[in-house]
Protein backbone atom coordinates (compact mmCIF):
# COMPACT_ATOMS: atom_id res chain seq x y z
CA MET A 1 0.00 0.00 0.00
CA HIS A 2 1.27 3.46 -0.92
CA ILE A 3 -0.11 6.28 1.26
CA VAL A 4 0.39 10.04 0.90
CA TRP A 5 -0.91 13.01 2.92
CA VAL A 6 0.01 16.68 3.26
CA THR A 7 0.22 19.35 5.94
CA LYS A 8 -2.67 21.79 6.13
CA TYR A 9 -2.22 24.57 3.55
CA ARG A 10 0.89 22.63 2.45
CA TYR A 11 2.96 24.67 4.89
CA ALA A 12 6.57 23.44 4.79
CA VAL A 13 6.83 22.83 8.56
CA LEU A 14 8.34 19.33 8.57
CA ARG A 15 11.95 20.43 8.96
CA GLY A 16 14.69 19.81 11.49
CA GLU A 17 13.55 18.45 14.85
CA VAL A 18 9.88 18.48 13.79
CA GLN A 19 10.71 16.26 10.82
CA ILE A 20 12.74 13.84 12.93
CA ARG A 21 10.04 13.64 15.63
CA CYS A 22 7.31 13.10 13.02
CA ARG A 23 9.27 10.16 11.60
CA GLU A 24 9.68 8.68 15.11
CA LEU A 25 5.95 8.98 15.83
CA LEU A 26 4.98 7.35 12.52
CA ILE A 27 7.33 4.46 13.25
CA GLN A 28 5.77 4.05 16.72
CA VAL A 29 2.24 3.85 15.31
CA CYS A 30 3.28 1.35 12.63
CA ASP A 31 5.11 -0.81 15.18
CA ALA A 32 2.07 -0.80 17.48
CA GLU A 33 -0.19 -1.91 14.62
CA ASP A 34 2.19 -4.57 13.24
CA VAL A 35 2.67 -2.56 10.04
CA LYS A 36 5.97 -2.83 8.18
CA ILE A 37 7.37 0.32 6.56
CA LEU A 38 8.91 -0.79 3.28
CA LYS A 39 9.92 2.74 2.35
CA GLY A 40 8.90 6.18 3.52
CA VAL A 41 9.69 9.85 3.07
CA VAL A 42 9.03 12.71 5.47
CA SER A 43 9.22 15.69 3.14
CA LYS A 44 8.87 19.32 4.22
CA GLU A 45 5.11 19.41 3.60
CA HIS A 46 3.99 15.83 2.98
CA ILE A 47 4.43 12.17 3.90
CA HIS A 48 4.89 9.25 1.50
CA MET A 49 4.78 5.73 2.90
CA HIS A 50 4.97 2.34 1.24
CA LEU A 51 3.54 -0.12 3.77
CA GLU A 52 2.89 -3.80 4.26
CA TYR A 53 0.09 -4.43 6.73
CA PRO A 54 -1.86 -7.42 8.07
CA PRO A 55 -5.45 -7.96 6.86
CA LYS A 56 -6.84 -7.10 10.30
CA VAL A 57 -5.63 -3.48 9.88
CA SER A 58 -8.00 -0.99 8.29
CA VAL A 59 -6.14 1.51 6.10
CA SER A 60 -8.47 4.34 7.11
CA GLU A 61 -7.99 3.59 10.83
CA LEU A 62 -4.23 3.34 10.39
CA VAL A 63 -4.04 6.73 8.65
CA LYS A 64 -6.37 8.20 11.27
CA GLN A 65 -4.02 6.99 14.01
CA MET A 66 -0.89 8.22 12.22
CA LYS A 67 -2.31 11.65 11.43
CA GLY A 68 -3.97 12.05 14.83
CA ARG A 69 -0.99 11.03 16.94
CA THR A 70 1.54 13.06 14.95
CA SER A 71 -0.70 16.14 14.93
CA ARG A 72 -1.35 16.00 18.66
CA MET A 73 2.22 15.22 19.71
CA LEU A 74 3.97 17.62 17.33
CA GLN A 75 1.76 20.53 18.41
CA GLN A 76 2.33 19.69 22.08
CA GLU A 77 6.10 19.40 21.70
CA PHE A 78 6.66 22.33 19.31
CA PRO A 79 4.76 25.45 20.42
CA HIS A 80 5.43 27.33 17.17
CA LEU A 81 3.25 24.75 15.37
CA LYS A 82 0.39 25.34 17.79
CA GLN A 83 0.50 29.04 16.88
CA ARG A 84 0.50 28.39 13.13
CA TYR A 85 -2.25 25.76 13.35
CA TRP A 86 -4.45 27.51 15.88
CA GLY A 87 -7.43 25.32 14.93
CA ARG A 88 -5.43 22.25 16.07
CA HIS A 89 -5.59 20.70 12.58
CA PHE A 90 -2.03 19.99 11.49
CA TRP A 91 -2.76 17.80 8.46
CA ALA A 92 -4.99 18.60 5.50
CA VAL A 93 -8.24 16.67 5.27
CA GLY A 94 -7.91 13.34 3.50
CA TYR A 95 -5.10 11.20 2.12
CA GLY A 96 -4.24 9.21 -0.97
CA ALA A 97 -3.94 5.42 -0.77
CA TRP A 98 -3.06 3.12 -3.64
CA SER A 99 -2.66 -0.60 -3.73
CA THR A 100 0.68 -1.56 -5.15
CA GLY A 101 -0.66 -4.81 -6.61
CA ASN A 102 -0.57 -3.55 -10.21
CA VAL A 103 2.57 -1.54 -9.69
CA THR A 104 5.80 -3.35 -9.02
CA GLU A 105 7.56 -2.76 -5.74
CA GLU A 106 10.58 -1.63 -7.77
CA MET A 107 8.51 1.15 -9.37
CA VAL A 108 7.32 2.43 -5.99
CA GLN A 109 10.86 2.26 -4.57
CA LYS A 110 12.21 4.29 -7.50
CA TYR A 111 9.45 6.84 -7.02
CA LEU A 112 10.24 7.22 -3.32
CA GLU A 113 14.00 7.28 -3.91
CA HIS A 114 13.44 10.11 -6.38
CA HIS A 115 12.29 12.16 -3.36
CA GLN A 116 15.33 11.24 -1.26
CA HIS A 117 17.48 14.29 -0.60
CA GLY A 118 17.91 14.39 3.17
CA SER A 119 19.41 12.48 6.02
CA ASN A 120 18.17 9.06 6.98
CA GLN A 121 18.94 9.11 10.71
CA ASP A 122 19.18 5.40 11.61
CA SER A 123 17.15 3.65 8.93
CA GLU A 124 17.36 3.51 5.18
CA THR A 125 13.71 2.54 4.89
CA PHE A 126 12.20 5.78 6.17
CA ILE A 127 14.04 8.91 5.13
CA LEU A 128 13.84 12.59 5.91
CA GLU A 129 13.71 14.82 2.85
CA GLU A 130 14.92 18.40 2.79
């Protein structure tokens, strides 16, 4: 499954410590739900994730958890975000989700690697893009 969502108003706020913390939170949610991150990118204003998940996991619930937890925690930990997003909505409404059944894994990996420009902290599977 390939999932993409953007920050509200596409503000480029996912930089530096915010970007690193967002990545950590997304990994926590995926680990808790037994979801494997095959590849991911935290860009300055959007998230791309290529995931493998068990059948018991609902994609909509998973995205709801990822967006909800990251929004809540990032705004708590970084006060400047709370000021910018005074309505407490960090992410734009909605997300894109595509099955990768008709697209080869290699095609998705190339697409995500095309977005790779930043550091990778500890893992090569989930990068931070500048």
